[in-house]
Amino acid sequence: MRRKFFIVASVLFVLLFVLFPDISSKGAENGLLLWFNVIIPSLCPFMIISTMLIKLDVTSFISNMFYPVFHKVFRISKNGCYPAITGMLSGYPLGAKTVADMYKTGAFSKNEAQYIISFCNNASPMFMLEYTGIKCLGLKQPAIMLVIIYLSAFINAFFERNKLEGTADNEQNPGGLKKRYPLIEALDESILSSAITLVKVGGYIILFSILTELLKNIVTSSEIIKVAGSGILEITTGCEVLANTGLSLYIKCMLASAFCAFGGMSSVAQTSSTLIGTGLSNRKYIFAKCRQAVIAALLSAVIFKFIL
């Protein structure tokens, strides 16, 4: 059933290309520029360094720093602290990639890996502060967006944390294999791995940018469908479309919070690509992100009620 759906979707996608070549080209150009100008400079250094630290098995220093708090709050193991921190400081899909890389080395159990992905994979702080908070919403206190997204992720984690009770410190992935890497080999493999991931991310961004551009130009009768559809497909374009609507700032903040918390189908596809070969569930991840989006919208509704 899923295979048939993707075949039909692919055929429809090609037809839209043929029917609207100018719009499709513009969408592809926007996606390519976004990837080249924003994603590569912001993610590439993080990816290379993070992957190299994992291969050299030196993530324990960072994990030890945050373990006392993170274990009490989230019930994750010492190894689980590193991908949690990485995901909060970087952006889609580096949190998920870090979990997948460490899970393959046997750092933690499948159950814990699935749990960490549900809350560590978020939009980057700079995206939420500068782009969403200042450029799109014009907030005087853009840090509120950061608080809402992180708080929604933490609250979302509490729906799953009881499943880890008594297991996070003891279970590991029995199939994981550790290898001692020489420094240059670790660097070389980290660059290659990061390059492959970035190419995949770029492909998904371009693909979903085309879909978003088609939606913006084809759907002209309903502003709310255009805004919601754009945000569900790709958060950068979604927040841009949202900023140019006549909706009140209060509604814009609620929707922007939901968009950032969910990440858009583009980031879902990027995350799914990093999980290939791990056996971790995409369905559970998507469900967790949908729940986080609802939580973020509700938090935004309460917080901005007193601020705006």
C-alpha atoms as a PDB file:
ATOM      1  CA  MET A   1       0.000   0.000   0.000  1.00  0.00           C
ATOM      2  CA  ARG A   2       2.785   2.399   0.962  1.00  0.00           C
ATOM      3  CA  ARG A   3       4.723   1.509  -2.202  1.00  0.00           C
ATOM      4  CA  LYS A   4       1.678   2.221  -4.397  1.00  0.00           C
ATOM      5  CA  PHE A   5       1.170   5.549  -2.638  1.00  0.00           C
ATOM      6  CA  PHE A   6       4.734   6.658  -3.354  1.00  0.00           C
ATOM      7  CA  ILE A   7       4.483   5.551  -6.976  1.00  0.00           C
ATOM      8  CA  VAL A   8       1.297   7.592  -7.472  1.00  0.00           C
ATOM      9  CA  ALA A   9       2.828  10.561  -5.616  1.00  0.00           C
ATOM     10  CA  SER A  10       5.932  10.415  -7.808  1.00  0.00           C
ATOM     11  CA  VAL A  11       3.850  10.391 -10.999  1.00  0.00           C
ATOM     12  CA  LEU A  12       1.808  13.370  -9.771  1.00  0.00           C
ATOM     13  CA  PHE A  13       5.017  15.162  -8.844  1.00  0.00           C
ATOM     14  CA  VAL A  14       6.419  14.719 -12.368  1.00  0.00           C
ATOM     15  CA  LEU A  15       3.127  15.949 -13.861  1.00  0.00           C
ATOM     16  CA  LEU A  16       3.306  19.093 -11.727  1.00  0.00           C
ATOM     17  CA  PHE A  17       6.850  19.624 -12.991  1.00  0.00           C
ATOM     18  CA  VAL A  18       5.619  19.465 -16.559  1.00  0.00           C
ATOM     19  CA  LEU A  19       2.553  21.644 -15.984  1.00  0.00           C
ATOM     20  CA  PHE A  20       4.323  24.308 -13.909  1.00  0.00           C
ATOM     21  CA  PRO A  21       7.978  24.372 -15.026  1.00  0.00           C
ATOM     22  CA  ASP A  22       8.639  27.993 -13.996  1.00  0.00           C
ATOM     23  CA  ILE A  23       7.244  27.535 -10.489  1.00  0.00           C
ATOM     24  CA  SER A  24       9.124  24.265 -10.070  1.00  0.00           C
ATOM     25  CA  SER A  25      12.395  25.868 -11.183  1.00  0.00           C
ATOM     26  CA  LYS A  26      11.918  28.731  -8.743  1.00  0.00           C
ATOM     27  CA  GLY A  27      11.226  26.300  -5.913  1.00  0.00           C
ATOM     28  CA  ALA A  28      14.326  24.279  -6.782  1.00  0.00           C
ATOM     29  CA  GLU A  29      16.409  27.458  -6.863  1.00  0.00           C
ATOM     30  CA  ASN A  30      15.084  28.579  -3.477  1.00  0.00           C
ATOM     31  CA  GLY A  31      15.815  25.172  -1.971  1.00  0.00           C
ATOM     32  CA  LEU A  32      19.322  25.066  -3.437  1.00  0.00           C
ATOM     33  CA  LEU A  33      20.157  28.546  -2.116  1.00  0.00           C
ATOM     34  CA  LEU A  34      18.762  27.684   1.313  1.00  0.00           C
ATOM     35  CA  TRP A  35      20.869  24.541   1.425  1.00  0.00           C
ATOM     36  CA  PHE A  36      24.047  26.218   0.159  1.00  0.00           C
ATOM     37  CA  ASN A  37      23.830  29.510   2.057  1.00  0.00           C
ATOM     38  CA  VAL A  38      22.299  28.363   5.353  1.00  0.00           C
ATOM     39  CA  ILE A  39      22.325  24.599   5.915  1.00  0.00           C
ATOM     40  CA  ILE A  40      25.877  23.745   4.832  1.00  0.00           C
ATOM     41  CA  PRO A  41      27.619  26.548   6.799  1.00  0.00           C
ATOM     42  CA  SER A  42      25.579  25.885   9.936  1.00  0.00           C
ATOM     43  CA  LEU A  43      25.501  22.068   9.945  1.00  0.00           C
ATOM     44  CA  CYS A  44      28.699  20.934   8.229  1.00  0.00           C
ATOM     45  CA  PRO A  45      31.179  21.894  11.005  1.00  0.00           C
ATOM     46  CA  PHE A  46      28.863  20.442  13.674  1.00  0.00           C
ATOM     47  CA  MET A  47      28.480  17.190  11.744  1.00  0.00           C
ATOM     48  CA  ILE A  48      32.174  16.651  11.118  1.00  0.00           C
ATOM     49  CA  ILE A  49      33.248  17.428  14.695  1.00  0.00           C
ATOM     50  CA  SER A  50      30.382  15.482  16.285  1.00  0.00           C
ATOM     51  CA  THR A  51      30.959  12.401  14.127  1.00  0.00           C
ATOM     52  CA  MET A  52      34.698  12.515  14.800  1.00  0.00           C
ATOM     53  CA  LEU A  53      34.149  12.750  18.568  1.00  0.00           C
ATOM     54  CA  ILE A  54      31.924   9.665  18.400  1.00  0.00           C
ATOM     55  CA  LYS A  55      34.460   7.705  16.362  1.00  0.00           C
ATOM     56  CA  LEU A  56      37.272   8.662  18.739  1.00  0.00           C
ATOM     57  CA  ASP A  57      35.062   7.721  21.691  1.00  0.00           C
ATOM     58  CA  VAL A  58      35.631  11.039  23.501  1.00  0.00           C
ATOM     59  CA  THR A  59      32.024  12.019  24.039  1.00  0.00           C
ATOM     60  CA  SER A  60      32.181  10.855  27.652  1.00  0.00           C
ATOM     61  CA  PHE A  61      33.544  14.214  28.881  1.00  0.00           C
ATOM     62  CA  ILE A  62      30.445  16.082  27.695  1.00  0.00           C
ATOM     63  CA  SER A  63      28.177  13.284  28.884  1.00  0.00           C
ATOM     64  CA  ASN A  64      29.710  13.328  32.369  1.00  0.00           C
ATOM     65  CA  MET A  65      29.011  17.049  32.707  1.00  0.00           C
ATOM     66  CA  PHE A  66      25.289  16.760  32.038  1.00  0.00           C
ATOM     67  CA  TYR A  67      24.571  13.271  33.323  1.00  0.00           C
ATOM     68  CA  PRO A  68      23.591  14.159  36.929  1.00  0.00           C
ATOM     69  CA  VAL A  69      20.823  16.489  35.720  1.00  0.00           C
ATOM     70  CA  PHE A  70      19.798  14.697  32.532  1.00  0.00           C
ATOM     71  CA  HIS A  71      19.546  11.315  34.198  1.00  0.00           C
ATOM     72  CA  LYS A  72      17.266  12.641  36.936  1.00  0.00           C
ATOM     73  CA  VAL A  73      15.082  14.643  34.563  1.00  0.00           C
ATOM     74  CA  PHE A  74      14.970  12.405  31.476  1.00  0.00           C
ATOM     75  CA  ARG A  75      16.168   9.030  32.868  1.00  0.00           C
ATOM     76  CA  ILE A  76      18.672   8.637  30.056  1.00  0.00           C
ATOM     77  CA  SER A  77      22.029   6.902  30.383  1.00  0.00           C
ATOM     78  CA  LYS A  78      25.372   8.669  30.505  1.00  0.00           C
ATOM     79  CA  ASN A  79      25.948   7.935  26.800  1.00  0.00           C
ATOM     80  CA  GLY A  80      22.537   9.373  25.976  1.00  0.00           C
ATOM     81  CA  CYS A  81      23.462  12.827  27.272  1.00  0.00           C
ATOM     82  CA  TYR A  82      25.757  13.648  24.344  1.00  0.00           C
ATOM     83  CA  PRO A  83      23.194  13.307  21.494  1.00  0.00           C
ATOM     84  CA  ALA A  84      20.627  15.140  23.630  1.00  0.00           C
ATOM     85  CA  ILE A  85      22.947  18.144  23.973  1.00  0.00           C
ATOM     86  CA  THR A  86      24.054  17.976  20.327  1.00  0.00           C
ATOM     87  CA  GLY A  87      20.464  18.013  19.118  1.00  0.00           C
ATOM     88  CA  MET A  88      19.624  21.084  21.204  1.00  0.00           C
ATOM     89  CA  LEU A  89      22.629  23.082  19.997  1.00  0.00           C
ATOM     90  CA  SER A  90      22.591  22.204  16.289  1.00  0.00           C
ATOM     91  CA  GLY A  91      19.403  21.618  14.308  1.00  0.00           C
ATOM     92  CA  TYR A  92      17.546  19.133  12.118  1.00  0.00           C
ATOM     93  CA  PRO A  93      18.621  16.388  11.511  1.00  0.00           C
ATOM     94  CA  LEU A  94      21.910  16.362  13.467  1.00  0.00           C
ATOM     95  CA  GLY A  95      20.299  15.232  16.728  1.00  0.00           C
ATOM     96  CA  ALA A  96      18.864  12.147  15.046  1.00  0.00           C
ATOM     97  CA  LYS A  97      22.107  11.480  13.141  1.00  0.00           C
ATOM     98  CA  THR A  98      24.106  11.578  16.385  1.00  0.00           C
ATOM     99  CA  VAL A  99      21.703   9.130  18.030  1.00  0.00           C
ATOM    100  CA  ALA A 100      21.901   6.807  15.016  1.00  0.00           C
ATOM    101  CA  ASP A 101      25.724   6.953  14.916  1.00  0.00           C
ATOM    102  CA  MET A 102      26.075   6.223  18.629  1.00  0.00           C
ATOM    103  CA  TYR A 103      23.427   3.508  18.566  1.00  0.00           C
ATOM    104  CA  LYS A 104      25.390   1.700  15.859  1.00  0.00           C
ATOM    105  CA  THR A 105      28.429   1.650  18.161  1.00  0.00           C
ATOM    106  CA  GLY A 106      26.396   0.020  20.939  1.00  0.00           C
ATOM    107  CA  ALA A 107      26.304   3.132  23.143  1.00  0.00           C
ATOM    108  CA  PHE A 108      22.719   2.547  24.283  1.00  0.00           C
ATOM    109  CA  SER A 109      19.676   0.361  23.723  1.00  0.00           C
ATOM    110  CA  LYS A 110      17.197   0.662  20.881  1.00  0.00           C
ATOM    111  CA  ASN A 111      14.517   1.670  23.368  1.00  0.00           C
ATOM    112  CA  GLU A 112      16.621   4.557  24.648  1.00  0.00           C
ATOM    113  CA  ALA A 113      17.668   5.618  21.145  1.00  0.00           C
ATOM    114  CA  GLN A 114      14.023   5.860  20.081  1.00  0.00           C
ATOM    115  CA  TYR A 115      13.243   7.858  23.202  1.00  0.00           C
ATOM    116  CA  ILE A 116      16.099  10.358  22.779  1.00  0.00           C
ATOM    117  CA  ILE A 117      15.144  11.053  19.155  1.00  0.00           C
ATOM    118  CA  SER A 118      11.638  12.006  20.282  1.00  0.00           C
ATOM    119  CA  PHE A 119      12.896  15.142  22.038  1.00  0.00           C
ATOM    120  CA  CYS A 120      16.501  15.926  20.995  1.00  0.00           C
ATOM    121  CA  ASN A 121      15.880  16.605  17.295  1.00  0.00           C
ATOM    122  CA  ASN A 122      14.822  20.263  16.979  1.00  0.00           C
ATOM    123  CA  ALA A 123      15.337  23.416  14.937  1.00  0.00           C
ATOM    124  CA  SER A 124      18.612  25.224  15.608  1.00  0.00           C
ATOM    125  CA  PRO A 125      18.683  28.040  18.193  1.00  0.00           C
ATOM    126  CA  MET A 126      19.823  30.586  15.585  1.00  0.00           C
ATOM    127  CA  PHE A 127      16.916  29.664  13.309  1.00  0.00           C
ATOM    128  CA  MET A 128      14.396  30.132  16.110  1.00  0.00           C
ATOM    129  CA  LEU A 129      15.980  33.351  17.387  1.00  0.00           C
ATOM    130  CA  GLU A 130      17.019  35.237  14.266  1.00  0.00           C
ATOM    131  CA  TYR A 131      14.852  33.907  11.458  1.00  0.00           C
ATOM    132  CA  THR A 132      11.604  32.981  13.189  1.00  0.00           C
ATOM    133  CA  GLY A 133      11.657  35.307  16.194  1.00  0.00           C
ATOM    134  CA  ILE A 134      13.093  38.464  14.644  1.00  0.00           C
ATOM    135  CA  LYS A 135      12.732  38.309  10.852  1.00  0.00           C
ATOM    136  CA  CYS A 136       9.356  36.567  10.567  1.00  0.00           C
ATOM    137  CA  LEU A 137       7.571  37.586  13.768  1.00  0.00           C
ATOM    138  CA  GLY A 138       9.394  40.785  14.697  1.00  0.00           C
ATOM    139  CA  LEU A 139       9.465  39.879  18.392  1.00  0.00           C
ATOM    140  CA  LYS A 140      11.253  42.161  20.844  1.00  0.00           C
ATOM    141  CA  GLN A 141      12.050  39.086  22.943  1.00  0.00           C
ATOM    142  CA  PRO A 142      12.824  36.355  20.371  1.00  0.00           C
ATOM    143  CA  ALA A 143      14.301  34.118  23.079  1.00  0.00           C
ATOM    144  CA  ILE A 144      10.712  33.259  24.011  1.00  0.00           C
ATOM    145  CA  MET A 145      10.522  31.110  20.869  1.00  0.00           C
ATOM    146  CA  LEU A 146      13.570  29.184  22.044  1.00  0.00           C
ATOM    147  CA  VAL A 147      12.020  28.656  25.486  1.00  0.00           C
ATOM    148  CA  ILE A 148       8.750  27.421  23.979  1.00  0.00           C
ATOM    149  CA  ILE A 149      10.380  24.885  21.644  1.00  0.00           C
ATOM    150  CA  TYR A 150      12.754  23.496  24.278  1.00  0.00           C
ATOM    151  CA  LEU A 151      10.024  23.391  26.916  1.00  0.00           C
ATOM    152  CA  SER A 152       7.668  21.594  24.518  1.00  0.00           C
ATOM    153  CA  ALA A 153      10.443  19.062  23.772  1.00  0.00           C
ATOM    154  CA  PHE A 154      11.032  18.456  27.484  1.00  0.00           C
ATOM    155  CA  ILE A 155       7.318  18.080  28.230  1.00  0.00           C
ATOM    156  CA  ASN A 156       7.030  15.744  25.249  1.00  0.00           C
ATOM    157  CA  ALA A 157       9.829  13.603  26.721  1.00  0.00           C
ATOM    158  CA  PHE A 158       7.812  13.026  29.885  1.00  0.00           C
ATOM    159  CA  PHE A 159       5.210  11.102  27.896  1.00  0.00           C
ATOM    160  CA  GLU A 160       7.870   8.498  27.085  1.00  0.00           C
ATOM    161  CA  ARG A 161      10.324   8.588  30.011  1.00  0.00           C
ATOM    162  CA  ASN A 162       8.576   5.938  32.135  1.00  0.00           C
ATOM    163  CA  LYS A 163       9.368   3.346  29.471  1.00  0.00           C
ATOM    164  CA  LEU A 164      13.072   3.704  30.346  1.00  0.00           C
ATOM    165  CA  GLU A 165      12.740   3.074  34.061  1.00  0.00           C
ATOM    166  CA  GLY A 166      15.386   0.597  35.192  1.00  0.00           C
ATOM    167  CA  THR A 167      16.850   0.082  31.691  1.00  0.00           C
ATOM    168  CA  ALA A 168      18.700   3.198  30.536  1.00  0.00           C
ATOM    169  CA  ASP A 169      21.879   2.544  32.516  1.00  0.00           C
ATOM    170  CA  ASN A 170      22.113  -1.156  31.836  1.00  0.00           C
ATOM    171  CA  GLU A 171      20.917  -1.939  28.319  1.00  0.00           C
ATOM    172  CA  GLN A 172      23.061  -1.459  25.266  1.00  0.00           C
ATOM    173  CA  ASN A 173      22.740  -2.353  21.617  1.00  0.00           C
ATOM    174  CA  PRO A 174      24.130  -5.904  21.520  1.00  0.00           C
ATOM    175  CA  GLY A 175      24.884  -5.612  17.814  1.00  0.00           C
ATOM    176  CA  GLY A 176      27.023  -2.512  18.173  1.00  0.00           C
ATOM    177  CA  LEU A 177      30.708  -2.765  17.309  1.00  0.00           C
ATOM    178  CA  LYS A 178      33.390  -0.399  18.553  1.00  0.00           C
ATOM    179  CA  LYS A 179      36.525   0.270  16.568  1.00  0.00           C
ATOM    180  CA  ARG A 180      39.588   2.195  17.631  1.00  0.00           C
ATOM    181  CA  TYR A 181      40.182   4.853  14.988  1.00  0.00           C
ATOM    182  CA  PRO A 182      43.476   6.624  14.262  1.00  0.00           C
ATOM    183  CA  LEU A 183      42.909  10.390  14.255  1.00  0.00           C
ATOM    184  CA  ILE A 184      43.286  10.905  10.488  1.00  0.00           C
ATOM    185  CA  GLU A 185      41.021   7.953   9.679  1.00  0.00           C
ATOM    186  CA  ALA A 186      38.354   9.252  12.070  1.00  0.00           C
ATOM    187  CA  LEU A 187      38.545  12.691  10.437  1.00  0.00           C
ATOM    188  CA  ASP A 188      38.437  11.245   6.932  1.00  0.00           C
ATOM    189  CA  GLU A 189      35.399   9.049   7.628  1.00  0.00           C
ATOM    190  CA  SER A 190      33.658  11.896   9.478  1.00  0.00           C
ATOM    191  CA  ILE A 191      34.034  14.230   6.495  1.00  0.00           C
ATOM    192  CA  LEU A 192      32.741  11.556   4.115  1.00  0.00           C
ATOM    193  CA  SER A 193      29.798  10.644   6.354  1.00  0.00           C
ATOM    194  CA  SER A 194      28.883  14.305   6.850  1.00  0.00           C
ATOM    195  CA  ALA A 195      29.104  15.007   3.111  1.00  0.00           C
ATOM    196  CA  ILE A 196      26.744  12.119   2.315  1.00  0.00           C
ATOM    197  CA  THR A 197      24.263  13.298   4.943  1.00  0.00           C
ATOM    198  CA  LEU A 198      24.415  16.905   3.689  1.00  0.00           C
ATOM    199  CA  VAL A 199      23.777  15.808   0.106  1.00  0.00           C
ATOM    200  CA  LYS A 200      20.712  13.859   1.270  1.00  0.00           C
ATOM    201  CA  VAL A 201      19.525  16.857   3.296  1.00  0.00           C
ATOM    202  CA  GLY A 202      20.006  19.103   0.272  1.00  0.00           C
ATOM    203  CA  GLY A 203      17.988  16.794  -1.941  1.00  0.00           C
ATOM    204  CA  TYR A 204      15.083  16.734   0.497  1.00  0.00           C
ATOM    205  CA  ILE A 205      15.188  20.518   0.959  1.00  0.00           C
ATOM    206  CA  ILE A 206      15.061  21.097  -2.801  1.00  0.00           C
ATOM    207  CA  LEU A 207      12.262  18.566  -3.243  1.00  0.00           C
ATOM    208  CA  PHE A 208      10.083  20.050  -0.513  1.00  0.00           C
ATOM    209  CA  SER A 209      10.898  23.615  -1.583  1.00  0.00           C
ATOM    210  CA  ILE A 210       9.441  22.782  -4.996  1.00  0.00           C
ATOM    211  CA  LEU A 211       6.295  21.358  -3.383  1.00  0.00           C
ATOM    212  CA  THR A 212       5.963  24.427  -1.170  1.00  0.00           C
ATOM    213  CA  GLU A 213       6.393  26.791  -4.107  1.00  0.00           C
ATOM    214  CA  LEU A 214       3.747  24.889  -6.064  1.00  0.00           C
ATOM    215  CA  LEU A 215       1.387  25.115  -3.092  1.00  0.00           C
ATOM    216  CA  LYS A 216       1.959  28.855  -2.707  1.00  0.00           C
ATOM    217  CA  ASN A 217       1.164  29.535  -6.358  1.00  0.00           C
ATOM    218  CA  ILE A 218      -1.617  27.010  -6.980  1.00  0.00           C
ATOM    219  CA  VAL A 219      -3.630  27.496  -3.781  1.00  0.00           C
ATOM    220  CA  THR A 220      -4.762  31.131  -3.933  1.00  0.00           C
ATOM    221  CA  SER A 221      -8.323  30.934  -2.574  1.00  0.00           C
ATOM    222  CA  SER A 222      -7.509  30.021   1.046  1.00  0.00           C
ATOM    223  CA  GLU A 223      -4.807  31.805   3.005  1.00  0.00           C
ATOM    224  CA  ILE A 224      -4.975  29.431   5.958  1.00  0.00           C
ATOM    225  CA  ILE A 225      -4.491  26.359   3.722  1.00  0.00           C
ATOM    226  CA  LYS A 226      -1.492  28.014   2.103  1.00  0.00           C
ATOM    227  CA  VAL A 227       0.044  28.876   5.479  1.00  0.00           C
ATOM    228  CA  ALA A 228      -0.663  25.507   7.104  1.00  0.00           C
ATOM    229  CA  GLY A 229       0.420  23.540   4.042  1.00  0.00           C
ATOM    230  CA  SER A 230       3.680  25.482   3.683  1.00  0.00           C
ATOM    231  CA  GLY A 231       4.516  25.057   7.372  1.00  0.00           C
ATOM    232  CA  ILE A 232       3.768  21.349   7.306  1.00  0.00           C
ATOM    233  CA  LEU A 233       5.969  20.846   4.245  1.00  0.00           C
ATOM    234  CA  GLU A 234       8.982  23.038   5.112  1.00  0.00           C
ATOM    235  CA  ILE A 235       9.423  25.317   8.149  1.00  0.00           C
ATOM    236  CA  THR A 236      11.616  28.006   6.563  1.00  0.00           C
ATOM    237  CA  THR A 237       9.183  28.733   3.745  1.00  0.00           C
ATOM    238  CA  GLY A 238       6.235  28.128   6.074  1.00  0.00           C
ATOM    239  CA  CYS A 239       7.408  30.820   8.489  1.00  0.00           C
ATOM    240  CA  GLU A 240       8.060  33.176   5.562  1.00  0.00           C
ATOM    241  CA  VAL A 241       4.543  32.655   4.172  1.00  0.00           C
ATOM    242  CA  LEU A 242       3.127  33.076   7.676  1.00  0.00           C
ATOM    243  CA  ALA A 243       4.967  36.393   8.144  1.00  0.00           C
ATOM    244  CA  ASN A 244       3.389  37.832   4.979  1.00  0.00           C
ATOM    245  CA  THR A 245      -0.212  37.042   5.953  1.00  0.00           C
ATOM    246  CA  GLY A 246      -2.754  39.334   7.569  1.00  0.00           C
ATOM    247  CA  LEU A 247      -3.164  37.116  10.615  1.00  0.00           C
ATOM    248  CA  SER A 248      -2.720  38.647  14.073  1.00  0.00           C
ATOM    249  CA  LEU A 249       0.699  38.391  15.714  1.00  0.00           C
ATOM    250  CA  TYR A 250      -0.798  36.171  18.417  1.00  0.00           C
ATOM    251  CA  ILE A 251      -1.963  33.584  15.845  1.00  0.00           C
ATOM    252  CA  LYS A 252       1.320  33.875  13.960  1.00  0.00           C
ATOM    253  CA  CYS A 253       3.277  33.062  17.122  1.00  0.00           C
ATOM    254  CA  MET A 254       1.128  30.004  17.817  1.00  0.00           C
ATOM    255  CA  LEU A 255       1.502  28.671  14.277  1.00  0.00           C
ATOM    256  CA  ALA A 256       5.236  29.448  14.098  1.00  0.00           C
ATOM    257  CA  SER A 257       5.778  27.583  17.368  1.00  0.00           C
ATOM    258  CA  ALA A 258       3.918  24.552  16.018  1.00  0.00           C
ATOM    259  CA  PHE A 259       5.873  24.668  12.737  1.00  0.00           C
ATOM    260  CA  CYS A 260       9.254  24.837  14.505  1.00  0.00           C
ATOM    261  CA  ALA A 261       8.348  22.071  16.948  1.00  0.00           C
ATOM    262  CA  PHE A 262       7.196  19.724  14.176  1.00  0.00           C
ATOM    263  CA  GLY A 263       9.980  20.666  11.765  1.00  0.00           C
ATOM    264  CA  GLY A 264       8.033  20.098   8.576  1.00  0.00           C
ATOM    265  CA  MET A 265       7.916  17.002   6.395  1.00  0.00           C
ATOM    266  CA  SER A 266      11.242  18.055   4.915  1.00  0.00           C
ATOM    267  CA  SER A 267      12.989  17.582   8.265  1.00  0.00           C
ATOM    268  CA  VAL A 268      11.028  14.363   8.852  1.00  0.00           C
ATOM    269  CA  ALA A 269      12.388  13.018   5.559  1.00  0.00           C
ATOM    270  CA  GLN A 270      15.911  14.193   6.463  1.00  0.00           C
ATOM    271  CA  THR A 271      15.657  12.496   9.849  1.00  0.00           C
ATOM    272  CA  SER A 272      14.327   9.292   8.298  1.00  0.00           C
ATOM    273  CA  SER A 273      17.343   9.166   5.985  1.00  0.00           C
ATOM    274  CA  THR A 274      19.721   9.255   8.977  1.00  0.00           C
ATOM    275  CA  LEU A 275      17.869   6.352  10.616  1.00  0.00           C
ATOM    276  CA  ILE A 276      18.248   3.965   7.682  1.00  0.00           C
ATOM    277  CA  GLY A 277      19.813   0.704   8.808  1.00  0.00           C
ATOM    278  CA  THR A 278      19.166   1.266  12.525  1.00  0.00           C
ATOM    279  CA  GLY A 279      15.703  -0.276  12.831  1.00  0.00           C
ATOM    280  CA  LEU A 280      14.459   2.819  14.684  1.00  0.00           C
ATOM    281  CA  SER A 281      10.827   3.682  13.982  1.00  0.00           C
ATOM    282  CA  ASN A 282       9.979   6.664  11.758  1.00  0.00           C
ATOM    283  CA  ARG A 283       6.321   6.325  12.715  1.00  0.00           C
ATOM    284  CA  LYS A 284       7.054   6.750  16.427  1.00  0.00           C
ATOM    285  CA  TYR A 285       9.257   9.747  15.659  1.00  0.00           C
ATOM    286  CA  ILE A 286       6.566  11.445  13.564  1.00  0.00           C
ATOM    287  CA  PHE A 287       3.955  10.825  16.255  1.00  0.00           C
ATOM    288  CA  ALA A 288       6.253  12.355  18.894  1.00  0.00           C
ATOM    289  CA  LYS A 289       6.888  15.450  16.740  1.00  0.00           C
ATOM    290  CA  CYS A 290       3.157  15.924  16.083  1.00  0.00           C
ATOM    291  CA  ARG A 291       2.559  15.770  19.822  1.00  0.00           C
ATOM    292  CA  GLN A 292       5.355  18.282  20.425  1.00  0.00           C
ATOM    293  CA  ALA A 293       3.793  20.631  17.863  1.00  0.00           C
ATOM    294  CA  VAL A 294       0.489  20.571  19.769  1.00  0.00           C
ATOM    295  CA  ILE A 295       2.284  21.182  23.074  1.00  0.00           C
ATOM    296  CA  ALA A 296       4.262  24.090  21.565  1.00  0.00           C
ATOM    297  CA  ALA A 297       1.113  25.703  20.173  1.00  0.00           C
ATOM    298  CA  LEU A 298      -0.613  25.455  23.573  1.00  0.00           C
ATOM    299  CA  LEU A 299       2.409  26.859  25.405  1.00  0.00           C
ATOM    300  CA  SER A 300       2.601  29.678  22.886  1.00  0.00           C
ATOM    301  CA  ALA A 301      -1.098  30.443  23.352  1.00  0.00           C
ATOM    302  CA  VAL A 302      -0.611  30.802  27.112  1.00  0.00           C
ATOM    303  CA  ILE A 303       2.747  32.625  27.126  1.00  0.00           C
ATOM    304  CA  PHE A 304       2.030  35.126  24.369  1.00  0.00           C
ATOM    305  CA  LYS A 305      -1.373  35.899  25.896  1.00  0.00           C
ATOM    306  CA  PHE A 306       0.485  37.746  28.659  1.00  0.00           C
ATOM    307  CA  ILE A 307       3.343  39.145  26.582  1.00  0.00           C
ATOM    308  CA  LEU A 308       1.798  40.573  23.404  1.00  0.00           C
END
